Amino acid sequence: MTRPSLLRSRRGLLIGAGAAGAVALAASRRPPDRGGGHSDYFLNVSRALTEAGFARPTLVVDRSLLLTNADAAAATLSQSGLALRLVVKSLPAFGLLDPLAERLRTNRYMVFNGAMLQRMAEARPEADLLLGKPLPVREAAEFMARTPLSSAPQWLIDTPQRLTEYIEAARARSAPLRVNFEIDVGLHRGGFPDAAALAAALDIASAEPLVEICGLMGYDPHVPRMPNAADAFLQSQASYREAIECLTSKVDAAPAALTLNSAGSPTYKLHAAGTVANEVSVGSAFVKPVDFDLDTLAHHQPAAFIATPVIKALDGARIPGLEALEGVFALWDPNSARAFFIYGGHWLARPESPPGLQYSSMFGRSSNQEMLTGSRRVRLDVDDWVFLRPLQSEAVFLQFGPIAIYEEGRIVDVAETFPVSA
C-alpha cells in the first residue's frame, strides 16, 4: 500500500471512529421515555373529581396527608417546648387552617397582607395575629379604623420611620399599638441589622404610652441553602441572641413572656433541636409544594395538586413552522411524540401525573390551553385528568376558587379561599 493510500485509510478510520463516537454520545444524551399511566393514587383522585362533578382546573388538597404532615411537625417539635404559628398566606382557607389549628392546638397565626388580616380578625377574633411583613401605614390605619381594639395584631416594625408612622396612626384613633420588631438574622431582606439600631427603635417605642412591645421576628429561610447550613444557623442564632439581650435590657419582661418568632417551613426542624426563639412559623410544610423539597422537610409529604382536564389529545406534537420536523423531534425525544392541550395553564407548577409529561419550550406557554407533551406510553384521552404539583402554595392556591378536599377516595368538602390578594 502506498503512503497516500495508507494515509487515506487511516483518515477514513479516524473519521469513522469519530462519527461512531458522535452517534454514541448523541444516543447517551437522548432523553429516555419517561411516559406511563396514572398511579392508583391519581386514578382514585381522578375518579373522585369526576364523580363529584368537577370539570375545570381545581386545586386539590389531600386532607389525610395534610394531617399526616401536621403530625410530623408535632412530633418534630414535641420535645422542644416551641409554640407553632400557622402561616396564613400558605394555607389561605379556613378549610385548611381550622383542621391544622385543631390538630396542633394553636391559635397563633402569621398574616402577610391587609385583606387576610381583616378576614382573620373578623372570623377568628380570639386569634393571636402576628404580621409577617411590614404593611404600609395607610393599610394599617384602615385596619385600626375598622376593627375592634380587642383584635389588635402584633404589627411588624422594620425601621424607626415606620414605627413613628404607626404611632401617629394609633394616636389619631387613640388605639393601642402592639409592635413586634423585625430583625435581620442573615437573610438581609431588611429589618434591624444590629443591636444598636434595635435599641434606638426600642427607645422610641418605650416613650409612647400607646405602644406595647411584644417581641421579635427573625426569619431565616436562607439557612438550608447556604454552603454550610450548620454554620449559617449558628450565625443566625447569634444575631437573634444579641437582639434578645438588647430587648430585655430595654423592656421589663422575661423572654418567655415575649413573642420571639423565628423559622419557617425550611428551618423549623433545625429550631426544634435548639433555639433562642420560643415559637416557629410553619405553613407550606403542611402541603409541601415543589420548592420545599428540602432535606429539612424529608419527613413531610406533598399534599396538594392542581387537577385539570385534557381538552385535546393529539397523536403528534406539531410545532407551527416546523411541521416537517415533527418526526425528528419525536425520534430524538420520545416524550414529545404526543401533544395534550389542557384546560388553563401557565401556573407555577410542575407536571406530576401521569409521568413523562413536560412543557413544550418550542410551542411556548399558555394560560388558556397549555401544551404538554408525552410519549406514546401516555394514554390520556379528552376529559381525562392531568395533575401538576405547585411550586409554592402562596398565591397559587388563590387561583382556582374553592379548594377540593380529598380524603379516602372521595371529595369530602370544598374549602372557600380568602379574597384574592397579593
Protein backbone atom coordinates (compact mmCIF):
# COMPACT_ATOMS: atom_id res chain seq x y z
CA MET A 1 0.00 0.00 0.00
CA THR A 2 1.40 3.39 -0.96
CA ARG A 3 1.82 6.07 1.67
CA PRO A 4 -1.08 8.24 0.29
CA SER A 5 -3.35 5.19 0.35
CA LEU A 6 -2.27 4.41 3.88
CA LEU A 7 -2.99 7.98 4.96
CA ARG A 8 -6.43 7.87 3.34
CA SER A 9 -7.16 4.60 5.09
CA ARG A 10 -6.12 5.96 8.46
CA ARG A 11 -8.10 9.15 7.85
CA GLY A 12 -11.16 7.08 6.99
CA LEU A 13 -10.73 5.04 10.17
CA LEU A 14 -10.44 8.21 12.25
CA ILE A 15 -13.48 9.79 10.60
CA GLY A 16 -15.45 6.61 11.06
CA ALA A 17 -14.43 6.35 14.71
CA GLY A 18 -15.31 9.98 15.24
CA ALA A 19 -18.73 9.54 13.64
CA ALA A 20 -19.39 6.45 15.71
CA GLY A 21 -18.36 8.33 18.82
CA ALA A 22 -20.65 11.21 17.96
CA VAL A 23 -23.55 8.82 17.41
CA ALA A 24 -22.81 7.10 20.72
CA LEU A 25 -22.58 10.45 22.50
CA ALA A 26 -25.84 11.61 20.95
CA ALA A 27 -27.51 8.34 21.93
CA SER A 28 -26.28 8.70 25.51
CA ARG A 29 -27.85 12.16 25.70
CA ARG A 30 -31.14 11.18 24.10
CA PRO A 31 -33.90 11.56 26.69
CA PRO A 32 -35.33 8.26 27.88
CA ASP A 33 -39.02 7.51 27.51
CA ARG A 34 -40.46 8.62 30.84
CA GLY A 35 -44.10 8.03 29.93
CA GLY A 36 -46.60 5.93 31.81
CA GLY A 37 -50.05 5.86 33.30
CA HIS A 38 -51.51 7.32 36.47
CA SER A 39 -50.66 5.56 39.71
CA ASP A 40 -53.53 4.07 41.71
CA TYR A 41 -53.49 7.19 43.88
CA PHE A 42 -54.07 9.57 40.99
CA LEU A 43 -56.60 7.21 39.37
CA ASN A 44 -58.57 7.41 42.62
CA VAL A 45 -58.34 11.20 42.75
CA SER A 46 -59.41 11.37 39.08
CA ARG A 47 -62.42 9.18 39.79
CA ALA A 48 -63.35 11.24 42.85
CA LEU A 49 -63.22 14.53 40.93
CA THR A 50 -65.36 13.17 38.11
CA GLU A 51 -67.91 11.65 40.48
CA ALA A 52 -68.13 14.97 42.35
CA GLY A 53 -68.90 16.82 39.11
CA PHE A 54 -65.65 18.76 38.68
CA ALA A 55 -64.77 19.72 35.11
CA ARG A 56 -62.39 22.65 35.33
CA PRO A 57 -58.94 23.38 36.80
CA THR A 58 -59.12 22.68 40.52
CA LEU A 59 -56.74 22.83 43.44
CA VAL A 60 -56.94 19.55 45.36
CA VAL A 61 -55.68 19.07 48.91
CA ASP A 62 -55.50 15.60 50.44
CA ARG A 63 -56.75 16.05 53.99
CA SER A 64 -55.24 12.79 55.24
CA LEU A 65 -51.80 13.87 54.03
CA LEU A 66 -52.34 17.41 55.37
CA LEU A 67 -52.95 15.99 58.85
CA THR A 68 -50.13 13.48 58.47
CA ASN A 69 -47.83 16.43 57.88
CA ALA A 70 -49.30 18.13 60.95
CA ASP A 71 -48.47 15.05 62.99
CA ALA A 72 -44.92 15.08 61.56
CA ALA A 73 -44.50 18.70 62.68
CA ALA A 74 -45.94 17.96 66.11
CA ALA A 75 -43.60 15.01 66.58
CA THR A 76 -40.62 17.10 65.49
CA LEU A 77 -41.47 19.86 67.98
CA SER A 78 -42.68 17.60 70.80
CA GLN A 79 -39.56 17.86 72.97
CA SER A 80 -38.66 21.45 72.11
CA GLY A 81 -41.25 23.44 74.04
CA LEU A 82 -41.71 25.66 70.97
CA ALA A 83 -45.12 27.05 70.10
CA LEU A 84 -46.26 26.81 66.48
CA ARG A 85 -47.71 29.67 64.44
CA LEU A 86 -49.63 28.86 61.23
CA VAL A 87 -48.72 30.88 58.15
CA VAL A 88 -51.98 32.06 56.58
CA LYS A 89 -50.64 33.04 53.14
CA SER A 90 -49.52 29.46 52.57
CA LEU A 91 -52.87 27.99 53.70
CA PRO A 92 -55.39 30.63 52.60
CA ALA A 93 -58.65 28.88 53.54
CA PHE A 94 -60.31 28.09 56.85
CA GLY A 95 -60.87 24.59 55.48
CA LEU A 96 -57.08 24.16 55.73
CA LEU A 97 -56.30 26.34 58.74
CA ASP A 98 -59.00 25.07 61.09
CA PRO A 99 -58.16 21.34 60.99
CA LEU A 100 -54.48 22.17 61.39
CA ALA A 101 -55.14 24.53 64.31
CA GLU A 102 -57.25 21.87 66.00
CA ARG A 103 -54.73 19.10 65.40
CA LEU A 104 -51.80 21.24 66.55
CA ARG A 105 -53.69 23.02 69.35
CA THR A 106 -52.67 26.51 68.33
CA ASN A 107 -54.45 29.83 67.89
CA ARG A 108 -51.35 31.63 66.63
CA TYR A 109 -51.29 32.84 63.03
CA MET A 110 -48.90 34.83 60.85
CA VAL A 111 -50.60 37.12 58.32
CA PHE A 112 -48.97 38.91 55.38
CA ASN A 113 -51.48 41.37 53.91
CA GLY A 114 -54.37 43.59 54.88
CA ALA A 115 -57.08 41.53 53.17
CA MET A 116 -56.20 38.33 55.03
CA LEU A 117 -55.61 40.25 58.26
CA GLN A 118 -59.13 41.70 58.05
CA ARG A 119 -60.65 38.30 57.30
CA MET A 120 -58.83 36.60 60.16
CA ALA A 121 -59.72 39.34 62.65
CA GLU A 122 -63.40 39.18 61.71
CA ALA A 123 -63.75 35.40 61.56
CA ARG A 124 -61.35 34.43 64.36
CA PRO A 125 -61.38 37.36 66.82
CA GLU A 126 -59.70 35.23 69.51
CA ALA A 127 -56.68 34.52 67.30
CA ASP A 128 -53.18 35.75 68.14
CA LEU A 129 -52.17 37.50 64.90
CA LEU A 130 -48.60 38.47 64.02
CA LEU A 131 -47.78 40.31 60.81
CA GLY A 132 -45.14 38.55 58.74
CA LYS A 133 -44.15 41.68 56.82
CA PRO A 134 -44.48 45.42 57.46
CA LEU A 135 -47.62 46.90 55.89
CA PRO A 136 -47.85 50.45 54.52
CA VAL A 137 -49.14 52.71 57.27
CA ARG A 138 -52.24 53.58 55.22
CA GLU A 139 -53.31 49.94 55.22
CA ALA A 140 -52.57 49.58 58.93
CA ALA A 141 -54.54 52.75 59.72
CA GLU A 142 -57.53 51.48 57.73
CA PHE A 143 -57.50 48.25 59.74
CA MET A 144 -57.29 50.19 63.02
CA ALA A 145 -60.32 52.27 62.00
CA ARG A 146 -62.47 49.26 61.04
CA THR A 147 -61.58 46.69 63.69
CA PRO A 148 -62.34 46.41 67.42
CA LEU A 149 -59.42 47.23 69.70
CA SER A 150 -59.56 43.70 71.11
CA SER A 151 -58.42 42.34 67.73
CA ALA A 152 -55.22 44.38 67.58
CA PRO A 153 -52.48 42.29 65.94
CA GLN A 154 -48.77 42.43 66.53
CA TRP A 155 -47.66 44.86 63.82
CA LEU A 156 -44.24 44.18 62.33
CA ILE A 157 -41.84 47.12 62.56
CA ASP A 158 -38.66 47.19 60.49
CA THR A 159 -37.46 50.82 60.71
CA PRO A 160 -37.73 53.77 63.10
CA GLN A 161 -39.61 55.68 60.40
CA ARG A 162 -42.30 53.02 60.15
CA LEU A 163 -42.58 52.90 63.93
CA THR A 164 -43.11 56.67 64.04
CA GLU A 165 -45.77 56.47 61.31
CA TYR A 166 -47.63 53.71 63.14
CA ILE A 167 -47.50 55.65 66.40
CA GLU A 168 -49.07 58.67 64.68
CA ALA A 169 -51.81 56.44 63.22
CA ALA A 170 -52.51 54.95 66.66
CA ARG A 171 -52.64 58.37 68.29
CA ALA A 172 -55.18 59.58 65.71
CA ARG A 173 -57.52 56.79 66.84
CA SER A 174 -56.47 56.52 70.49
CA ALA A 175 -55.80 52.89 69.69
CA PRO A 176 -53.30 50.61 71.39
CA LEU A 177 -50.34 49.69 69.23
CA ARG A 178 -48.81 46.24 69.70
CA VAL A 179 -45.46 46.01 67.93
CA ASN A 180 -43.02 43.25 67.08
CA PHE A 181 -39.59 44.15 65.70
CA GLU A 182 -38.20 42.51 62.58
CA ILE A 183 -34.51 41.68 62.96
CA ASP A 184 -32.04 40.66 60.26
CA VAL A 185 -30.56 37.29 61.19
CA GLY A 186 -28.79 36.76 57.88
CA LEU A 187 -31.45 36.94 55.16
CA HIS A 188 -30.64 40.63 54.52
CA ARG A 189 -34.18 41.50 53.44
CA GLY A 190 -34.47 44.42 55.79
CA GLY A 191 -35.23 44.65 59.47
CA PHE A 192 -32.98 45.97 62.22
CA PRO A 193 -29.43 44.95 61.32
CA ASP A 194 -27.85 45.08 64.78
CA ALA A 195 -28.45 45.75 68.46
CA ALA A 196 -27.67 49.46 68.20
CA ALA A 197 -30.34 50.03 65.55
CA LEU A 198 -32.83 47.96 67.50
CA ALA A 199 -32.07 49.84 70.74
CA ALA A 200 -32.82 53.19 69.10
CA ALA A 201 -36.23 51.93 67.94
CA LEU A 202 -37.00 50.43 71.34
CA ASP A 203 -36.34 53.82 72.93
CA ILE A 204 -38.91 55.42 70.61
CA ALA A 205 -41.47 52.70 71.38
CA SER A 206 -40.87 52.86 75.13
CA ALA A 207 -41.55 56.59 75.18
CA GLU A 208 -45.09 56.18 73.74
CA PRO A 209 -47.82 55.11 76.22
CA LEU A 210 -49.97 53.57 73.46
CA VAL A 211 -47.23 51.14 72.43
CA GLU A 212 -46.94 47.60 73.76
CA ILE A 213 -43.65 45.96 72.83
CA CYS A 214 -44.43 42.32 72.08
CA GLY A 215 -41.20 40.79 70.84
CA LEU A 216 -39.05 39.98 67.82
CA MET A 217 -39.30 38.21 64.47
CA GLY A 218 -36.20 36.82 62.76
CA TYR A 219 -36.81 34.89 59.54
CA ASP A 220 -34.05 32.50 58.39
CA PRO A 221 -35.09 30.57 55.23
CA HIS A 222 -31.66 31.16 53.72
CA VAL A 223 -30.03 28.74 56.15
CA PRO A 224 -30.68 25.38 54.37
CA ARG A 225 -29.47 26.83 51.07
CA MET A 226 -26.13 28.10 52.37
CA PRO A 227 -22.92 26.14 51.60
CA ASN A 228 -22.57 25.34 55.30
CA ALA A 229 -26.08 25.26 56.75
CA ALA A 230 -24.91 24.41 60.27
CA ASP A 231 -22.64 27.46 60.44
CA ALA A 232 -25.34 29.68 58.91
CA PHE A 233 -27.80 28.56 61.56
CA LEU A 234 -25.32 29.25 64.36
CA GLN A 235 -24.69 32.73 62.94
CA SER A 236 -28.41 33.47 62.74
CA GLN A 237 -28.84 32.28 66.31
CA ALA A 238 -26.03 34.55 67.48
CA SER A 239 -27.69 37.54 65.82
CA TYR A 240 -31.03 36.63 67.38
CA ARG A 241 -29.47 36.15 70.84
CA GLU A 242 -27.90 39.62 70.63
CA ALA A 243 -31.31 41.11 69.74
CA ILE A 244 -32.97 39.36 72.70
CA GLU A 245 -30.35 40.72 75.07
CA CYS A 246 -30.96 44.20 73.69
CA LEU A 247 -34.74 43.82 74.00
CA THR A 248 -34.73 42.53 77.58
CA SER A 249 -32.35 45.32 78.63
CA LYS A 250 -34.95 47.86 77.45
CA VAL A 251 -38.20 46.09 78.33
CA ASP A 252 -39.17 44.82 81.76
CA ALA A 253 -40.29 41.37 80.62
CA ALA A 254 -38.87 37.87 80.70
CA PRO A 255 -38.16 36.30 77.29
CA ALA A 256 -40.85 33.68 77.92
CA ALA A 257 -43.49 36.42 78.11
CA LEU A 258 -42.48 37.82 74.71
CA THR A 259 -43.17 36.62 71.16
CA LEU A 260 -39.75 35.51 69.91
CA ASN A 261 -40.68 34.24 66.47
CA SER A 262 -38.37 32.56 64.00
CA ALA A 263 -38.04 29.79 61.45
CA GLY A 264 -40.40 28.97 58.65
CA SER A 265 -41.09 25.66 56.95
CA PRO A 266 -37.48 25.19 55.70
CA THR A 267 -35.89 25.65 59.14
CA TYR A 268 -38.39 24.75 61.85
CA LYS A 269 -36.76 21.32 62.26
CA LEU A 270 -33.42 23.00 62.99
CA HIS A 271 -35.03 25.13 65.69
CA ALA A 272 -36.63 22.04 67.22
CA ALA A 273 -33.13 20.82 68.06
CA GLY A 274 -32.32 24.01 69.97
CA THR A 275 -33.02 27.71 69.51
CA VAL A 276 -33.17 31.05 71.27
CA ALA A 277 -36.66 31.64 69.83
CA ASN A 278 -39.80 30.48 71.63
CA GLU A 279 -42.07 29.90 68.63
CA VAL A 280 -41.76 28.85 64.98
CA SER A 281 -43.89 29.68 61.96
CA VAL A 282 -44.87 26.84 59.62
CA GLY A 283 -47.16 26.90 56.59
CA SER A 284 -46.00 25.40 53.30
CA ALA A 285 -44.64 22.28 55.02
CA PHE A 286 -48.21 21.08 55.57
CA VAL A 287 -48.87 20.87 51.81
CA LYS A 288 -45.22 20.62 50.66
CA PRO A 289 -45.03 22.18 47.20
CA VAL A 290 -42.01 21.56 44.97
CA ASP A 291 -39.89 24.44 46.28
CA PHE A 292 -39.97 22.76 49.69
CA ASP A 293 -38.35 19.51 48.61
CA LEU A 294 -35.57 20.07 51.14
CA ASP A 295 -33.61 17.74 53.38
CA THR A 296 -35.10 19.51 56.40
CA LEU A 297 -38.61 18.56 55.19
CA ALA A 298 -37.94 14.98 54.13
CA HIS A 299 -40.43 13.83 56.79
CA HIS A 300 -43.28 15.71 55.05
CA GLN A 301 -45.29 14.59 52.01
CA PRO A 302 -46.80 16.52 49.07
CA ALA A 303 -50.48 17.03 49.85
CA ALA A 304 -51.66 19.50 47.17
CA PHE A 305 -52.07 19.18 43.41
CA ILE A 306 -53.60 21.09 40.54
CA ALA A 307 -56.04 18.90 38.61
CA THR A 308 -57.07 19.96 35.11
CA PRO A 309 -58.87 18.19 32.25
CA VAL A 310 -57.35 17.36 28.88
CA ILE A 311 -59.09 19.46 26.21
CA LYS A 312 -57.35 17.99 23.17
CA ALA A 313 -55.25 14.80 22.83
CA LEU A 314 -53.21 14.59 19.61
CA ASP A 315 -51.04 11.77 18.27
CA GLY A 316 -48.33 14.19 17.19
CA ALA A 317 -46.83 17.37 18.61
CA ARG A 318 -46.76 19.72 15.61
CA ILE A 319 -44.87 22.99 16.05
CA PRO A 320 -46.01 25.90 13.82
CA GLY A 321 -43.49 26.45 11.03
CA LEU A 322 -41.64 23.24 11.91
CA GLU A 323 -44.25 20.68 10.94
CA ALA A 324 -41.81 18.75 8.75
CA LEU A 325 -39.58 18.09 11.76
CA GLU A 326 -42.31 16.50 13.89
CA GLY A 327 -40.91 13.00 13.33
CA VAL A 328 -37.35 14.13 14.01
CA PHE A 329 -38.35 15.70 17.33
CA ALA A 330 -40.20 12.53 18.38
CA LEU A 331 -37.27 10.35 17.30
CA TRP A 332 -34.85 12.40 19.38
CA ASP A 333 -37.15 12.82 22.39
CA PRO A 334 -39.84 10.16 22.70
CA ASN A 335 -41.52 12.33 25.32
CA SER A 336 -42.55 14.73 22.56
CA ALA A 337 -44.44 12.17 20.46
CA ARG A 338 -47.93 13.18 21.65
CA ALA A 339 -49.48 16.54 22.49
CA PHE A 340 -52.05 17.29 25.15
CA PHE A 341 -53.73 20.67 25.45
CA ILE A 342 -55.07 21.17 28.95
CA TYR A 343 -57.75 23.44 30.40
CA GLY A 344 -55.81 26.53 31.54
CA GLY A 345 -52.12 26.53 32.32
CA HIS A 346 -49.01 28.61 32.86
CA TRP A 347 -49.24 28.06 36.60
CA LEU A 348 -46.31 27.96 38.99
CA ALA A 349 -46.42 24.18 38.87
CA ARG A 350 -44.67 21.10 37.52
CA PRO A 351 -46.41 18.22 35.68
CA GLU A 352 -46.75 15.36 38.13
CA SER A 353 -49.06 12.67 36.73
CA PRO A 354 -49.19 10.79 34.51
CA PRO A 355 -45.39 10.54 34.46
CA GLY A 356 -43.43 11.79 31.49
CA LEU A 357 -45.46 14.92 30.72
CA GLN A 358 -43.42 18.04 30.02
CA TYR A 359 -43.88 21.61 28.85
CA SER A 360 -43.01 22.36 25.24
CA SER A 361 -40.34 25.05 25.09
CA MET A 362 -40.77 25.23 21.30
CA PHE A 363 -44.54 25.71 21.36
CA GLY A 364 -44.42 28.08 24.33
CA ARG A 365 -46.52 28.57 27.44
CA SER A 366 -50.22 29.42 27.54
CA SER A 367 -52.64 30.40 30.31
CA ASN A 368 -55.56 29.34 28.13
CA GLN A 369 -54.64 25.93 26.65
CA GLU A 370 -51.20 24.85 27.80
CA MET A 371 -49.46 22.26 25.65
CA LEU A 372 -47.91 19.30 27.42
CA THR A 373 -46.11 16.59 25.51
CA GLY A 374 -45.61 12.95 26.36
CA SER A 375 -44.55 9.66 24.85
CA ARG A 376 -46.87 7.13 23.27
CA ARG A 377 -46.95 5.35 26.61
CA VAL A 378 -49.03 8.24 27.99
CA ARG A 379 -52.58 7.07 27.27
CA LEU A 380 -54.51 10.23 28.07
CA ASP A 381 -57.76 11.00 26.28
CA VAL A 382 -60.00 14.06 26.13
CA ASP A 383 -61.58 14.82 29.55
CA ASP A 384 -59.01 12.73 31.44
CA TRP A 385 -57.34 14.49 34.35
CA VAL A 386 -53.77 15.75 34.43
CA PHE A 387 -52.14 16.58 37.77
CA LEU A 388 -49.50 19.21 38.41
CA ARG A 389 -47.66 19.89 41.64
CA PRO A 390 -47.47 23.56 42.67
CA LEU A 391 -44.03 25.09 43.13
CA GLN A 392 -45.42 27.07 46.06
CA SER A 393 -48.74 27.40 47.85
CA GLU A 394 -48.98 31.13 48.43
CA ALA A 395 -50.70 32.92 45.52
CA VAL A 396 -51.15 29.63 43.59
CA PHE A 397 -53.86 28.43 46.00
CA LEU A 398 -55.91 31.56 45.29
CA GLN A 399 -56.13 30.97 41.53
CA PHE A 400 -58.77 28.24 41.34
CA GLY A 401 -61.71 29.20 43.51
CA PRO A 402 -62.84 26.72 46.18
CA ILE A 403 -60.29 24.05 47.05
CA ALA A 404 -61.41 20.43 46.65
CA ILE A 405 -60.70 18.47 49.83
CA TYR A 406 -59.93 14.85 49.00
CA GLU A 407 -59.95 12.02 51.50
CA GLU A 408 -60.00 8.24 51.09
CA GLY A 409 -61.31 8.12 47.54
CA ARG A 410 -63.86 10.94 47.74
CA ILE A 411 -64.11 14.70 47.55
CA VAL A 412 -65.42 15.25 51.07
CA ASP A 413 -65.60 19.06 51.15
CA VAL A 414 -64.77 22.28 49.32
CA ALA A 415 -62.84 24.99 51.13
CA GLU A 416 -63.61 28.58 50.22
CA THR A 417 -60.40 30.54 49.82
CA PHE A 418 -59.66 34.00 51.18
CA PRO A 419 -60.08 37.02 48.88
CA VAL A 420 -57.56 37.20 46.07
CA SER A 421 -54.75 39.40 47.38
CA ALA A 422 -51.02 39.89 47.00
